[in-house]
Amino acid sequence: MMETSSSLVMFSDDHYLDQPTDTVYSVLGILNKMQALADKTVLLGEIRGDLVSLTAEAPLDLKQLAAFQADANNSYNTPHDYYAVINNCNYYLSHVDTTLKKRNEPIFQNEYAVVKAFRAWTYLQLVTTYGEVPFITEPILTESAANKAYPMYTIKAVCDYFIDDLTPYVNVDFPSYGPVSSLDSKKFFLPVRVVLGDLCLWGGRYREAAGFYRDYLANETTPVTTGLNQASWRSSESTFTMWDNNYAVLFNNMGNQEIVSYIPMENSERDKDYSQLRNLFNSTPGNNYYVKATPSARMLEISKAQSHALVYTNGALRDTLYAPTRNDEHPLWVGDLRLAASYTVVNTNETPDYNSLYAPKKQTIAKFATDHVVLYRRGQIYLRYAEALNRAGLPQAAFAVLKYGVYANALNLFVSSEEKAIAGNLLNFSQYAFTATNTLGIHSRGSGNAGADTTYVIPALASKEDSVRYVEDLICTENALETAFEGYRFYDLLRMALRRNDSDFLASMIAARQGTAGYDAALYSNLLDRSKWFLPLP
């Protein structure tokens, strides 16, 4: 697991980081190590979930992941890649000269905070993949150190440690390196508040999680609104024959404001750090259009099951209409339109670069439009904020994130005074920065005007606990609609199953991967054993 002869050891033991060039190259070096985690993070999160099915062309290692049969020899079971990042972070943090100041400000404080966030994020990915891991915070520089026995930390223990470790740096800005390879280098870094929100969410500290997410989103200097991008039927037509796709553009370049953080990857297929996600999910000349993964039958069921409300306007006339629940000519044009907006299949012989060696169908998933691998984006952060609010005992507020958006008028109208009193500043969003002209409910990104949908509600339930469970199920569904294929799904299901102490929740979800008619009873039985949820440490 710890390989001192490999790139895990980045520097000699006596090298002290006290020059600006040292720290810049060290931080970029850590990013280089993170490239080895990029594809793995997405695949471990999607292939083991319920939203993706593998094709016959998928490699055996991916098929083993999907069947929860991956062993120590599986090519995706590589904890040393995580420890390569961790060890370089540990080295940096123990060797950087934090006493150096310029104009009485610590010179390397920005980099120090960035590296702390990298380390915390990497440990969170590691422990949620393996369940319990050796915990090391000092650099491993010798073989004897690598062979030592280290304490094993659970998910909860890792989260508690890094919440304390990272909290002092919430107000530290990112370094200003300017463009790197024509990319905005600030998006290479992870917002400390968002990482802390994730740690608290996994660690069961829900009010703190909601606070960190809220503080990130509602930042007075750089407020983070949802924007108004949607895939939706045209409100000027009542026939449901034309819809507008302003959703897929969120993923077509890393400069889009939707993208918060990403791992920059190489742009040449000859490079070992080139992302292979496009060749797995999309038809390319490199794979002769034979994809390895495709949206599952369950993903299609979830998408089609959504109600899609349209506020039809014709002069002074306004009426709420609901899209048809069947479309034989365009089956994906039913329910939520985000899947139709980001996933297309055409006959290969209709493409301009047709080749007789190509597969008969060409699949394109817009979320794999670039070379890079996204770690955080706005829609995802809002959904985690909603999840935290809900588990903090604020189901109405959480539902408002889904249905209306977090602008003052909506929160005042649709969140009870009782909940607002309990929430305190967790619902404080500037009435000037967050308005109906730049904010919407996340469900409206694909399910029409969710605010006008009379079927999309929290029903009257016996207890507040029942309401919390109901809203969490809605959030789970929204996670599928909004973040499918991005690498979060299995971990979302895992987090909710652990929180509920409910093995059936995760097992039944994943067993339905092939749709209701293809329910996999054997996989369900296998996943009732919680040890199957985690990869085995080699």
Protein backbone atom coordinates (compact mmCIF):
# COMPACT_ATOMS: atom_id res chain seq x y z
CA MET A 1 0.00 0.00 0.00
CA MET A 2 2.82 2.39 0.90
CA GLU A 3 5.54 2.19 -1.74
CA THR A 4 8.63 4.15 -0.80
CA SER A 5 10.35 3.22 -4.04
CA SER A 6 7.62 4.83 -6.08
CA SER A 7 6.43 8.37 -6.63
CA LEU A 8 5.03 8.34 -3.11
CA VAL A 9 8.32 9.88 -2.00
CA MET A 10 8.52 13.24 -3.66
CA PHE A 11 11.46 14.94 -1.99
CA SER A 12 14.54 14.16 0.03
CA ASP A 13 14.10 14.36 3.78
CA ASP A 14 16.17 17.49 4.23
CA HIS A 15 14.50 19.62 1.57
CA TYR A 16 12.73 22.57 3.20
CA LEU A 17 10.07 24.44 1.25
CA ASP A 18 10.91 28.08 1.76
CA GLN A 19 10.87 29.54 -1.76
CA PRO A 20 7.78 30.56 -3.74
CA THR A 21 8.80 28.34 -6.65
CA ASP A 22 9.12 25.40 -4.24
CA THR A 23 5.54 25.73 -3.09
CA VAL A 24 4.05 26.40 -6.52
CA TYR A 25 5.68 23.32 -8.02
CA SER A 26 4.80 21.27 -4.94
CA VAL A 27 1.11 22.17 -5.18
CA LEU A 28 1.05 21.46 -8.91
CA GLY A 29 2.90 18.22 -8.19
CA ILE A 30 0.15 17.16 -5.80
CA LEU A 31 -2.41 17.96 -8.50
CA ASN A 32 -0.44 15.68 -10.80
CA LYS A 33 -0.81 12.86 -8.26
CA MET A 34 -4.55 13.57 -8.07
CA GLN A 35 -4.87 12.86 -11.79
CA ALA A 36 -4.52 9.17 -10.94
CA LEU A 37 -7.68 9.46 -8.81
CA ALA A 38 -9.82 11.29 -11.36
CA ASP A 39 -11.27 8.49 -13.50
CA LYS A 40 -11.26 6.10 -10.56
CA THR A 41 -13.39 8.47 -8.47
CA VAL A 42 -16.06 8.69 -11.18
CA LEU A 43 -16.07 4.98 -12.00
CA LEU A 44 -16.19 3.75 -8.41
CA GLY A 45 -19.09 6.12 -7.83
CA GLU A 46 -21.11 5.27 -10.95
CA ILE A 47 -20.37 1.69 -11.96
CA ARG A 48 -21.39 0.45 -8.51
CA GLY A 49 -24.56 2.56 -8.45
CA ASP A 50 -27.97 2.07 -10.04
CA LEU A 51 -27.83 4.59 -12.89
CA VAL A 52 -25.29 2.96 -15.21
CA SER A 53 -25.25 -0.40 -16.99
CA LEU A 54 -22.19 -1.94 -18.58
CA THR A 55 -22.15 -3.17 -22.17
CA ALA A 56 -20.67 -6.41 -23.43
CA GLU A 57 -17.53 -4.47 -24.42
CA ALA A 58 -16.78 -3.38 -20.83
CA PRO A 59 -13.52 -4.75 -19.40
CA LEU A 60 -13.65 -7.49 -16.77
CA ASP A 61 -12.45 -5.19 -13.97
CA LEU A 62 -15.43 -2.88 -14.49
CA LYS A 63 -17.81 -5.84 -14.60
CA GLN A 64 -16.38 -7.05 -11.29
CA LEU A 65 -16.96 -3.61 -9.78
CA ALA A 66 -20.56 -3.58 -10.98
CA ALA A 67 -21.15 -7.04 -9.51
CA PHE A 68 -19.41 -6.11 -6.23
CA GLN A 69 -16.86 -8.86 -6.84
CA ALA A 70 -13.70 -6.76 -7.17
CA ASP A 71 -10.75 -8.33 -5.38
CA ALA A 72 -7.28 -7.13 -4.45
CA ASN A 73 -6.07 -7.60 -8.04
CA ASN A 74 -8.71 -5.40 -9.64
CA SER A 75 -7.05 -2.51 -11.49
CA TYR A 76 -9.40 -0.01 -9.82
CA ASN A 77 -8.50 -1.27 -6.34
CA THR A 78 -5.40 0.87 -5.87
CA PRO A 79 -5.24 2.52 -2.45
CA HIS A 80 -1.61 3.42 -3.10
CA ASP A 81 -2.83 6.07 -5.57
CA TYR A 82 -4.68 7.79 -2.71
CA TYR A 83 -1.70 7.45 -0.41
CA ALA A 84 0.53 8.96 -3.10
CA VAL A 85 -1.53 12.14 -2.83
CA ILE A 86 -1.71 11.92 0.96
CA ASN A 87 2.02 11.37 1.37
CA ASN A 88 2.89 14.34 -0.81
CA CYS A 89 0.42 16.47 1.14
CA ASN A 90 1.94 15.25 4.40
CA TYR A 91 5.41 16.10 3.14
CA TYR A 92 4.38 19.57 2.05
CA LEU A 93 2.58 20.35 5.32
CA SER A 94 5.51 19.19 7.42
CA HIS A 95 8.19 20.98 5.39
CA VAL A 96 6.72 24.28 4.22
CA ASP A 97 8.04 27.28 6.13
CA THR A 98 4.87 28.78 7.58
CA THR A 99 6.82 31.41 9.53
CA LEU A 100 7.87 33.40 6.46
CA LYS A 101 5.92 36.63 6.11
CA LYS A 102 5.62 39.53 3.70
CA ARG A 103 3.92 42.72 4.89
CA ASN A 104 3.15 40.75 8.04
CA GLU A 105 1.15 38.15 6.08
CA PRO A 106 2.23 34.48 5.92
CA ILE A 107 3.61 33.94 2.43
CA PHE A 108 2.51 30.33 2.04
CA GLN A 109 -0.79 30.38 3.92
CA ASN A 110 -2.89 30.07 0.73
CA GLU A 111 -0.99 27.01 -0.47
CA TYR A 112 -1.04 25.53 3.03
CA ALA A 113 -4.85 25.71 3.13
CA VAL A 114 -5.15 24.29 -0.40
CA VAL A 115 -2.99 21.29 0.48
CA LYS A 116 -4.94 20.69 3.69
CA ALA A 117 -8.13 20.59 1.61
CA PHE A 118 -6.55 18.21 -0.93
CA ARG A 119 -5.53 15.87 1.89
CA ALA A 120 -8.94 15.95 3.60
CA TRP A 121 -10.79 15.34 0.31
CA THR A 122 -8.48 12.45 -0.61
CA TYR A 123 -8.87 10.80 2.78
CA LEU A 124 -12.65 11.11 2.47
CA GLN A 125 -12.59 9.37 -0.92
CA LEU A 126 -10.29 6.69 0.46
CA VAL A 127 -12.25 5.87 3.60
CA THR A 128 -15.66 5.89 1.91
CA THR A 129 -14.25 3.44 -0.65
CA TYR A 130 -12.61 1.08 1.86
CA GLY A 131 -14.63 1.64 5.04
CA GLU A 132 -11.62 1.72 7.35
CA VAL A 133 -8.08 2.75 6.41
CA PRO A 134 -4.59 3.20 7.88
CA PHE A 135 -4.38 6.80 9.05
CA ILE A 136 -1.10 8.61 8.44
CA THR A 137 -0.43 12.32 8.80
CA GLU A 138 3.37 12.32 8.65
CA PRO A 139 5.34 11.80 5.43
CA ILE A 140 6.57 8.27 4.75
CA LEU A 141 10.17 8.55 3.61
CA THR A 142 11.72 5.21 4.51
CA GLU A 143 10.88 1.56 4.03
CA SER A 144 10.73 1.00 7.77
CA ALA A 145 8.18 3.80 8.11
CA ALA A 146 6.12 2.33 5.28
CA ASN A 147 6.04 -1.05 7.00
CA LYS A 148 4.85 0.27 10.36
CA ALA A 149 1.38 -0.53 11.65
CA TYR A 150 -0.78 2.58 11.64
CA PRO A 151 -4.11 3.10 13.42
CA MET A 152 -7.20 2.22 11.41
CA TYR A 153 -9.70 5.08 11.06
CA THR A 154 -13.39 4.71 10.24
CA ILE A 155 -15.41 7.17 8.16
CA LYS A 156 -16.53 8.96 11.31
CA ALA A 157 -13.00 9.17 12.72
CA VAL A 158 -11.58 10.54 9.46
CA CYS A 159 -14.34 13.15 9.25
CA ASP A 160 -13.92 14.29 12.85
CA TYR A 161 -10.15 14.64 12.45
CA PHE A 162 -10.30 16.72 9.29
CA ILE A 163 -13.16 18.92 10.44
CA ASP A 164 -10.87 20.09 13.24
CA ASP A 165 -7.86 20.20 10.94
CA LEU A 166 -9.50 22.24 8.18
CA THR A 167 -11.84 24.62 10.02
CA PRO A 168 -9.16 27.24 10.85
CA TYR A 169 -8.67 27.82 7.09
CA VAL A 170 -12.23 28.64 6.00
CA ASN A 171 -11.35 32.26 5.26
CA VAL A 172 -8.07 31.65 3.45
CA ASP A 173 -8.15 32.55 -0.24
CA PHE A 174 -6.89 30.36 -3.06
CA PRO A 175 -3.40 31.07 -4.45
CA SER A 176 -3.30 33.33 -7.49
CA TYR A 177 -1.30 31.49 -10.14
CA GLY A 178 -3.23 32.88 -13.10
CA PRO A 179 -3.92 30.71 -16.15
CA VAL A 180 -2.14 27.35 -16.30
CA SER A 181 -2.24 25.78 -19.78
CA SER A 182 -4.98 28.32 -20.59
CA LEU A 183 -7.10 27.08 -17.67
CA ASP A 184 -8.24 29.11 -14.67
CA SER A 185 -6.01 27.64 -11.98
CA LYS A 186 -8.33 28.72 -9.16
CA LYS A 187 -10.73 25.98 -10.24
CA PHE A 188 -8.00 23.40 -9.57
CA PHE A 189 -8.52 23.99 -5.85
CA LEU A 190 -11.26 22.77 -3.51
CA PRO A 191 -13.36 25.28 -1.55
CA VAL A 192 -12.55 24.63 2.10
CA ARG A 193 -16.13 25.26 3.22
CA VAL A 194 -17.49 22.73 0.73
CA VAL A 195 -15.00 20.07 1.78
CA LEU A 196 -15.93 20.78 5.40
CA GLY A 197 -19.60 20.48 4.47
CA ASP A 198 -18.92 17.04 2.98
CA LEU A 199 -16.96 15.93 6.05
CA CYS A 200 -19.79 17.03 8.34
CA LEU A 201 -22.42 15.42 6.10
CA TRP A 202 -20.61 12.06 6.21
CA GLY A 203 -19.80 12.53 9.89
CA GLY A 204 -23.42 13.06 10.95
CA ARG A 205 -22.90 16.69 11.97
CA TYR A 206 -25.75 18.01 9.86
CA ARG A 207 -26.28 21.49 11.20
CA GLU A 208 -22.58 22.21 10.82
CA ALA A 209 -22.69 20.78 7.29
CA ALA A 210 -25.59 23.03 6.35
CA GLY A 211 -23.73 25.99 7.82
CA PHE A 212 -20.58 25.36 5.80
CA TYR A 213 -22.53 24.90 2.56
CA ARG A 214 -24.65 28.00 3.24
CA ASP A 215 -21.59 30.10 4.02
CA TYR A 216 -20.02 29.02 0.73
CA LEU A 217 -23.15 29.64 -1.35
CA ALA A 218 -24.14 32.92 0.31
CA ASN A 219 -20.66 34.47 0.32
CA GLU A 220 -21.16 38.24 0.22
CA THR A 221 -18.27 38.84 -2.17
CA THR A 222 -18.91 35.95 -4.56
CA PRO A 223 -22.48 34.64 -4.11
CA VAL A 224 -23.10 31.29 -5.77
CA THR A 225 -26.55 31.23 -7.38
CA THR A 226 -28.05 28.33 -9.30
CA GLY A 227 -28.52 30.30 -12.49
CA LEU A 228 -31.54 29.63 -14.70
CA ASN A 229 -30.25 26.91 -17.03
CA GLN A 230 -32.96 24.35 -17.77
CA ALA A 231 -34.07 21.67 -20.15
CA SER A 232 -37.74 22.59 -20.50
CA TRP A 233 -40.75 22.67 -22.79
CA ARG A 234 -41.43 26.04 -24.36
CA SER A 235 -43.89 28.02 -22.28
CA SER A 236 -45.27 29.71 -25.40
CA GLU A 237 -46.58 26.43 -26.82
CA SER A 238 -49.25 24.16 -25.41
CA THR A 239 -48.63 21.20 -27.73
CA PHE A 240 -45.40 19.91 -26.15
CA THR A 241 -43.60 19.54 -29.46
CA MET A 242 -40.63 21.88 -28.84
CA TRP A 243 -38.29 22.10 -25.89
CA ASP A 244 -35.14 24.09 -25.21
CA ASN A 245 -31.88 22.58 -24.04
CA ASN A 246 -30.00 25.13 -21.97
CA TYR A 247 -28.77 22.42 -19.61
CA ALA A 248 -26.06 20.55 -21.52
CA VAL A 249 -24.07 23.77 -21.99
CA LEU A 250 -23.24 23.66 -18.27
CA PHE A 251 -20.70 20.93 -19.06
CA ASN A 252 -19.11 22.00 -22.33
CA ASN A 253 -16.18 23.93 -20.87
CA MET A 254 -14.51 24.37 -17.52
CA GLY A 255 -14.95 28.14 -17.68
CA ASN A 256 -18.70 27.83 -17.12
CA GLN A 257 -19.74 29.31 -13.78
CA GLU A 258 -21.51 26.03 -12.91
CA ILE A 259 -18.12 24.32 -12.57
CA VAL A 260 -16.56 24.96 -9.16
CA SER A 261 -13.56 22.60 -9.01
CA TYR A 262 -12.02 20.00 -11.27
CA ILE A 263 -8.91 17.90 -11.76
CA PRO A 264 -7.13 19.16 -14.88
CA MET A 265 -6.18 16.24 -17.11
CA GLU A 266 -3.83 15.91 -20.06
CA ASN A 267 -5.17 16.53 -23.56
CA SER A 268 -3.22 13.86 -25.43
CA GLU A 269 -4.37 10.24 -25.48
CA ARG A 270 -0.73 9.24 -25.47
CA ASP A 271 -0.31 10.63 -21.97
CA LYS A 272 -0.91 8.27 -19.04
CA ASP A 273 -2.91 10.99 -17.28
CA TYR A 274 -5.39 11.42 -20.12
CA SER A 275 -8.92 10.74 -18.88
CA GLN A 276 -10.48 7.65 -20.44
CA LEU A 277 -14.01 8.54 -19.33
CA ARG A 278 -15.03 9.72 -22.79
CA ASN A 279 -13.85 6.46 -24.32
CA LEU A 280 -15.90 4.54 -21.76
CA PHE A 281 -19.13 6.55 -21.85
CA ASN A 282 -19.06 8.14 -25.32
CA SER A 283 -18.72 6.77 -28.83
CA THR A 284 -15.39 7.92 -30.24
CA PRO A 285 -13.26 6.91 -33.22
CA GLY A 286 -10.84 5.48 -30.64
CA ASN A 287 -13.39 2.90 -29.48
CA ASN A 288 -15.06 2.42 -32.87
CA TYR A 289 -18.18 3.87 -31.23
CA TYR A 290 -18.46 0.86 -28.88
CA VAL A 291 -19.16 2.35 -25.46
CA LYS A 292 -18.49 0.44 -22.24
CA ALA A 293 -21.20 2.08 -20.10
CA THR A 294 -24.66 3.43 -20.79
CA PRO A 295 -27.60 4.82 -18.79
CA SER A 296 -29.35 1.99 -16.98
CA ALA A 297 -32.98 1.01 -17.32
CA ARG A 298 -33.44 2.30 -13.78
CA MET A 299 -32.08 5.72 -14.79
CA LEU A 300 -34.65 5.87 -17.59
CA GLU A 301 -37.42 4.86 -15.19
CA ILE A 302 -36.49 7.56 -12.69
CA SER A 303 -36.37 10.21 -15.41
CA LYS A 304 -39.67 9.23 -17.02
CA ALA A 305 -41.48 9.02 -13.67
CA GLN A 306 -41.19 12.77 -13.03
CA SER A 307 -44.07 15.16 -13.47
CA HIS A 308 -43.21 18.05 -15.81
CA ALA A 309 -45.24 21.22 -15.25
CA LEU A 310 -45.40 24.07 -17.74
CA VAL A 311 -46.86 27.51 -17.09
CA TYR A 312 -48.31 28.20 -20.53
CA THR A 313 -48.51 31.88 -21.45
CA ASN A 314 -50.51 33.29 -24.35
CA GLY A 315 -51.04 37.01 -23.97
CA ALA A 316 -52.91 37.52 -20.72
CA LEU A 317 -53.67 33.80 -20.46
CA ARG A 318 -51.63 31.77 -17.99
CA ASP A 319 -52.34 28.13 -17.31
CA THR A 320 -50.42 25.27 -15.70
CA LEU A 321 -50.15 22.32 -18.08
CA TYR A 322 -48.49 18.95 -17.61
CA ALA A 323 -46.41 17.26 -20.28
CA PRO A 324 -47.64 13.95 -21.70
CA THR A 325 -46.41 10.84 -19.88
CA ARG A 326 -45.78 8.97 -23.12
CA ASN A 327 -43.96 9.84 -26.32
CA ASP A 328 -43.51 6.93 -28.72
CA GLU A 329 -41.43 8.91 -31.22
CA HIS A 330 -39.06 10.36 -28.60
CA PRO A 331 -39.20 8.16 -25.47
CA LEU A 332 -36.75 10.35 -23.55
CA TRP A 333 -38.98 13.40 -24.01
CA VAL A 334 -41.08 12.27 -21.07
CA GLY A 335 -40.80 13.39 -17.45
CA ASP A 336 -37.56 15.13 -16.53
CA LEU A 337 -35.65 16.40 -19.58
CA ARG A 338 -32.13 16.49 -18.15
CA LEU A 339 -31.43 12.98 -19.41
CA ALA A 340 -32.66 13.85 -22.90
CA ALA A 341 -30.59 17.04 -22.76
CA SER A 342 -27.32 15.32 -21.88
CA TYR A 343 -27.67 11.86 -23.48
CA THR A 344 -28.17 11.23 -27.19
CA VAL A 345 -28.02 8.14 -29.39
CA VAL A 346 -28.06 8.28 -33.19
CA ASN A 347 -27.56 5.72 -35.93
CA THR A 348 -23.91 5.59 -36.89
CA ASN A 349 -24.63 5.66 -40.60
CA GLU A 350 -26.20 9.09 -40.08
CA THR A 351 -22.94 10.59 -38.78
CA PRO A 352 -20.56 12.48 -41.11
CA ASP A 353 -17.54 10.34 -40.11
CA TYR A 354 -19.26 7.00 -40.73
CA ASN A 355 -16.99 3.96 -40.86
CA SER A 356 -18.14 0.40 -41.49
CA LEU A 357 -16.13 -0.76 -38.46
CA TYR A 358 -18.17 1.42 -36.14
CA ALA A 359 -20.90 0.21 -33.82
CA PRO A 360 -24.41 0.72 -35.24
CA LYS A 361 -25.25 3.37 -32.63
CA LYS A 362 -23.35 6.47 -31.54
CA GLN A 363 -23.80 7.44 -27.88
CA THR A 364 -22.90 10.86 -26.51
CA ILE A 365 -23.16 11.95 -22.88
CA ALA A 366 -22.59 15.70 -22.66
CA LYS A 367 -21.09 15.46 -19.19
CA PHE A 368 -17.95 14.01 -20.77
CA ALA A 369 -17.45 16.84 -23.24
CA THR A 370 -14.02 17.95 -21.97
CA ASP A 371 -10.67 16.43 -21.04
CA HIS A 372 -11.12 17.21 -17.34
CA VAL A 373 -12.86 15.60 -14.36
CA VAL A 374 -15.23 17.74 -12.30
CA LEU A 375 -15.21 17.33 -8.52
CA TYR A 376 -17.64 20.07 -7.49
CA ARG A 377 -20.32 22.03 -9.29
CA ARG A 378 -23.15 24.28 -8.18
CA GLY A 379 -26.12 21.94 -8.61
CA GLN A 380 -24.37 19.20 -6.65
CA ILE A 381 -23.45 21.56 -3.79
CA TYR A 382 -27.04 22.82 -3.54
CA LEU A 383 -28.27 19.23 -3.26
CA ARG A 384 -25.82 18.49 -0.46
CA TYR A 385 -26.93 21.67 1.27
CA ALA A 386 -30.52 20.42 1.00
CA GLU A 387 -29.51 17.02 2.38
CA ALA A 388 -27.82 18.66 5.36
CA LEU A 389 -30.75 21.01 6.03
CA ASN A 390 -33.17 18.11 5.95
CA ARG A 391 -31.19 15.99 8.41
CA ALA A 392 -30.75 19.06 10.62
CA GLY A 393 -34.53 18.92 11.11
CA LEU A 394 -35.51 21.42 8.40
CA PRO A 395 -37.42 19.43 5.75
CA GLN A 396 -39.42 22.42 4.47
CA ALA A 397 -36.24 24.40 3.92
CA ALA A 398 -34.60 21.44 2.21
CA PHE A 399 -37.62 21.00 -0.04
CA ALA A 400 -37.51 24.71 -0.91
CA VAL A 401 -34.02 24.14 -2.37
CA LEU A 402 -35.56 21.55 -4.69
CA LYS A 403 -38.85 23.26 -5.59
CA TYR A 404 -38.34 27.03 -5.40
CA GLY A 405 -34.73 28.09 -4.83
CA VAL A 406 -33.21 30.02 -1.95
CA TYR A 407 -34.33 33.58 -2.62
CA ALA A 408 -36.04 35.59 0.11
CA ASN A 409 -39.60 35.67 -1.25
CA ALA A 410 -39.70 31.90 -1.72
CA LEU A 411 -38.22 31.14 1.69
CA ASN A 412 -40.63 33.54 3.38
CA LEU A 413 -43.66 32.04 1.63
CA PHE A 414 -42.89 28.35 1.79
CA VAL A 415 -40.87 27.75 4.96
CA SER A 416 -42.82 27.97 8.21
CA SER A 417 -41.92 30.52 10.85
CA GLU A 418 -41.17 27.61 13.18
CA GLU A 419 -38.59 26.16 10.80
CA LYS A 420 -37.08 29.57 10.08
CA ALA A 421 -36.62 30.11 13.81
CA ILE A 422 -34.87 26.74 14.15
CA ALA A 423 -32.75 27.43 11.06
CA GLY A 424 -31.39 30.76 12.24
CA ASN A 425 -28.72 31.92 9.80
CA LEU A 426 -28.78 28.64 7.85
CA LEU A 427 -31.34 30.29 5.55
CA ASN A 428 -29.76 33.73 5.34
CA PHE A 429 -29.35 34.63 1.67
CA SER A 430 -29.08 38.22 0.47
CA GLN A 431 -32.33 39.46 -1.04
CA TYR A 432 -30.24 41.44 -3.51
CA ALA A 433 -27.84 38.67 -4.59
CA PHE A 434 -30.42 35.84 -4.70
CA THR A 435 -33.55 36.66 -6.69
CA ALA A 436 -36.13 34.99 -8.90
CA THR A 437 -34.10 36.18 -11.90
CA ASN A 438 -30.98 34.16 -11.03
CA THR A 439 -32.24 31.37 -8.76
CA LEU A 440 -34.49 28.37 -9.23
CA GLY A 441 -35.28 25.10 -7.52
CA ILE A 442 -32.91 22.35 -8.64
CA HIS A 443 -35.87 20.21 -9.71
CA SER A 444 -36.78 22.92 -12.22
CA ARG A 445 -33.55 22.29 -14.09
CA GLY A 446 -35.33 19.42 -15.84
CA SER A 447 -38.89 19.04 -14.57
CA GLY A 448 -40.38 22.28 -15.77
CA ASN A 449 -41.74 24.87 -13.38
CA ALA A 450 -41.49 22.88 -10.15
CA GLY A 451 -42.95 25.78 -8.19
CA ALA A 452 -46.19 25.46 -10.16
CA ASP A 453 -46.36 21.65 -9.94
CA THR A 454 -49.18 20.81 -7.52
CA THR A 455 -48.08 17.15 -7.43
CA TYR A 456 -44.56 17.95 -6.24
CA VAL A 457 -45.22 18.51 -2.53
CA ILE A 458 -44.52 17.14 0.93
CA PRO A 459 -47.74 15.33 1.83
CA ALA A 460 -49.27 15.42 5.29
CA LEU A 461 -47.38 12.79 7.28
CA ALA A 462 -47.66 11.43 10.79
CA SER A 463 -44.46 12.96 12.16
CA LYS A 464 -41.60 15.29 11.37
CA GLU A 465 -39.33 12.25 11.17
CA ASP A 466 -41.55 10.90 8.40
CA SER A 467 -41.27 14.23 6.57
CA VAL A 468 -37.48 14.13 6.87
CA ARG A 469 -37.41 10.61 5.41
CA TYR A 470 -39.78 11.62 2.60
CA VAL A 471 -37.71 14.65 1.64
CA GLU A 472 -34.50 12.62 1.78
CA ASP A 473 -36.04 10.22 -0.74
CA LEU A 474 -36.83 13.22 -2.97
CA ILE A 475 -33.23 14.41 -2.62
CA CYS A 476 -32.00 10.93 -3.50
CA THR A 477 -34.11 11.02 -6.66
CA GLU A 478 -32.93 14.54 -7.47
CA ASN A 479 -29.33 13.42 -7.10
CA ALA A 480 -30.01 10.90 -9.86
CA LEU A 481 -31.67 13.45 -12.13
CA GLU A 482 -29.06 16.17 -11.62
CA THR A 483 -25.75 14.35 -11.13
CA ALA A 484 -26.08 11.02 -12.99
CA PHE A 485 -22.82 9.70 -14.49
CA GLU A 486 -20.66 12.18 -12.55
CA GLY A 487 -19.33 9.75 -9.94
CA TYR A 488 -21.47 10.52 -6.89
CA ARG A 489 -24.32 8.02 -7.03
CA PHE A 490 -22.97 5.02 -5.12
CA TYR A 491 -21.54 7.27 -2.43
CA ASP A 492 -24.86 9.13 -2.09
CA LEU A 493 -26.65 5.80 -1.60
CA LEU A 494 -23.95 4.61 0.80
CA ARG A 495 -24.15 7.75 2.92
CA MET A 496 -27.93 7.53 3.19
CA ALA A 497 -27.90 3.79 3.94
CA LEU A 498 -25.34 4.21 6.72
CA ARG A 499 -27.27 7.14 8.17
CA ARG A 500 -30.51 5.15 8.17
CA ASN A 501 -28.77 1.97 9.34
CA ASP A 502 -30.69 0.34 6.51
CA SER A 503 -28.97 -2.27 4.36
CA ASP A 504 -32.18 -2.83 2.41
CA PHE A 505 -32.14 0.78 1.17
CA LEU A 506 -28.84 0.43 -0.68
CA ALA A 507 -29.34 -3.19 -1.72
CA SER A 508 -32.79 -2.64 -3.21
CA MET A 509 -31.73 0.49 -5.10
CA ILE A 510 -28.76 -1.16 -6.80
CA ALA A 511 -30.59 -4.44 -7.42
CA ALA A 512 -33.06 -2.42 -9.54
CA ARG A 513 -30.29 -1.23 -11.87
CA GLN A 514 -31.78 -3.11 -14.84
CA GLY A 515 -35.22 -1.68 -14.14
CA THR A 516 -38.24 -3.02 -12.33
CA ALA A 517 -38.59 -5.93 -14.73
CA GLY A 518 -34.90 -6.82 -14.42
CA TYR A 519 -34.64 -6.74 -10.63
CA ASP A 520 -31.53 -8.68 -9.55
CA ALA A 521 -32.49 -10.69 -6.47
CA ALA A 522 -29.05 -12.28 -6.21
CA LEU A 523 -27.33 -8.89 -6.18
CA TYR A 524 -29.82 -7.70 -3.58
CA SER A 525 -28.99 -10.61 -1.28
CA ASN A 526 -25.27 -10.04 -1.78
CA LEU A 527 -25.54 -6.37 -0.84
CA LEU A 528 -27.34 -7.07 2.41
CA ASP A 529 -23.82 -7.95 3.59
CA ARG A 530 -22.32 -4.54 4.36
CA SER A 531 -18.77 -5.76 3.86
CA LYS A 532 -19.59 -5.90 0.13
CA TRP A 533 -20.12 -2.14 0.10
CA PHE A 534 -16.39 -1.52 0.45
CA LEU A 535 -13.38 -2.62 -1.57
CA PRO A 536 -10.93 -4.96 0.16
CA LEU A 537 -7.60 -3.41 1.09
CA PRO A 538 -4.84 -5.31 -0.75
